[in-house]
Amino acid sequence: MRRRRFRMSWLAPLAALALLAGCVSIPTSGGVTTTDVQAEDPDNPLLSLPASPSKDATPAEIVADFLRAGRGPQDNYAVAREYLTDEFKSKWSPFARTLVSSTPISPVALADNTFSVSVSAEAAVDDQGRYQTATPSDGYELTFGLVQNDAGQWRISSAPDGTVLSPSRFGAIFDPFELYFFDPSFRYLVPDLRWFRTGAAAAGTVVDALLAGPSDRLGSGVLFSAFPAGTQRPRNEKVTITAGVASVPLSSDVSAGGVTTHRRMQQQLLATLRSVSSVREVDMVVNSFTLQVPDGGTVPESSYLVGNDPIGGVEGRIGVLSTDGITPISGIGRGADDLAATAASIVSTDRGTIAVRSAAGISIVRSGQAPAVIDPRPGLLAPSLDALGYTWSVPASAPDALEAIAKDGTPHAVAGLPSDARVVSVDVSRDGARLLVALQTAGGPRLLVAGIQRDADLNPTALVSALDIPIGDAALIDAAWVDGVTVVVLTAGTVTSIDTYDIGGQHSSLGTLAGGVDGVQIVGGNGAEGTRVLDSAGNVLRPGGGASWQDTGIDASFLATQQ
């Protein structure tokens, strides 16, 4: 089944302020008067259609009711189009943009036949399903032109494309979907989170977005598609899913690819359509014929699971932590125990390599080999070891000195971090395509997710298109990856707070640490429930349900990130 990422905890406080719910101030002439806009049943938000235009409604009422009608996507927004002139009906696009807002709507007359509506939006979704949170809320001025038709009824002759939805209505109409693209090595499928309308057309919408290519949020040269540029789904041909088998009609562009390319196309479609339904197989159809793709080939990784047991250091040893103490890491054994480590990062798939920080700098420890110092610079942060074998290292006070060190020890300078900041933490995503960076700047904390550009030999060269995740003003302590689209953040205010953020999605609180306990480190696991926090007393904590955090009974001096 599709994973539903919508954060109900995020919606709860906003739903009480729902846009267009209750009594809202609406002008009925040049001045501002009031009219009632009644809320629909929030538990059944799609069971009833919005109201059609009322006879002899004023221009202001038409504008207000049109915005209400944008909450009903049935039959291609048929009711909303009733508020438009015959000429404008086919021009207006409800899909161009969606504003998520909890502010009342008050049309103001600018001229006899022109009205403006000011909207403060907490988020916006563009025509490609890219969700952007606004902190503080972004302001939009929406302008509407009206004329009277032959029957003397006011209708809208010009209006901005798109719709305005309350948070609760947005949650009823939209869902998050994960589109998958390849990293440069083609070993990993990387999710690109988008938001689209649910319903029977969702599968086709998701496929169309996949064929259009990866989002520009990560910059060019970061993610790749197996589909040739220009590949489309033929007009009026639907994606169907029957008994777990998806049939995807495609233009003839795809026929020119070889077996490896066709397999990769199937892999992208399969991973993406699993966001929509329980799909186990994909047929690609060209000109009514199913493209024959032989079994075999390399299967890319897309789940990014790590070990369930925490790894870390305690009493000078590094290993797997439990309430019974610490046991050696398979593949490494006790090879890192003599380093007096203070931080570490390990690739979880084989646990045969670990990067360690100690007084000597950053060392690499591999199965059957003696530890080797690969970065002796002072002031280094905890390293991050990526799945392609590069160890990421940076001094806290020198963000422009970020390096990715290859297996042979060669350092590769990686440009792109802002120079006027202090680095709090760096963590490569488990797919190796993105870097999560926590910064402290003169303007406050910043949390960035940047695309990693690599050369033909897969050496990292630069960070591009850094996406700011709005996290507020609390001081950043640490950040980590939870899965392919979610990060978890530890911040310090009056209490230590733990929050998750979907990249291209929404925010959810995981609670705070009680009793005045301070958190000092956070590591991700398998889902938010696998998150672990190390407190200042050396206790390893886990989510305890609700907003509470519980002591696992495990002690540690540090926790290792698992990639």
Foldseek 3Di string as FASTA:
>chain_A
DADFPDFVQVQVVQVVLWEQAFWFWEAQAQDTGTDTRHDDDLVCQAPDQQDADDPPGGLRVLVSSLLVLLLHCPPNSVRSLNQADPVCSVVAAQLAKEFAASHYWYWHDPDRFKTKTKTFGQWMAGNLQFIDGDVVTDIDIKMWGWDADPVRDIGTHDTHHHHYGYSSSLVVFKTKFWQWFAFPVNQATFTDIGIDGDDPQVLVSLVQSNLCDHDCLQHPQQTHALQDNPKGQPPPDGWDADPQEIEGEIECSVVPDDLVSVVRNFLRSQRRCVNRDNHDYYFYAYPNRTDDHDDDDRRHDYWLAADLFFWAADPQFTATWALVGGAHFPQQGRQRSVQSFQAKAAARPRRQKMWTQHQQGIWIGGRPDHIDDLDRDPQKDHWEAEPQAWIWIDHQLAPQQIWTAHPVSRTAGADDDDGQWGWQDWYAARSRFWIWTWTQHPVAIWTWIWGFRADPVRGTHYTDNIDTDDDDHFHWQEKEDQTSFKIWTWGDDVFIWIKMDGNSDGIDTLATEPDRWAWRYWEYHHHQQSIWTQTPVQFIWGRDPDRYIDTNSIGHSYTYHHD
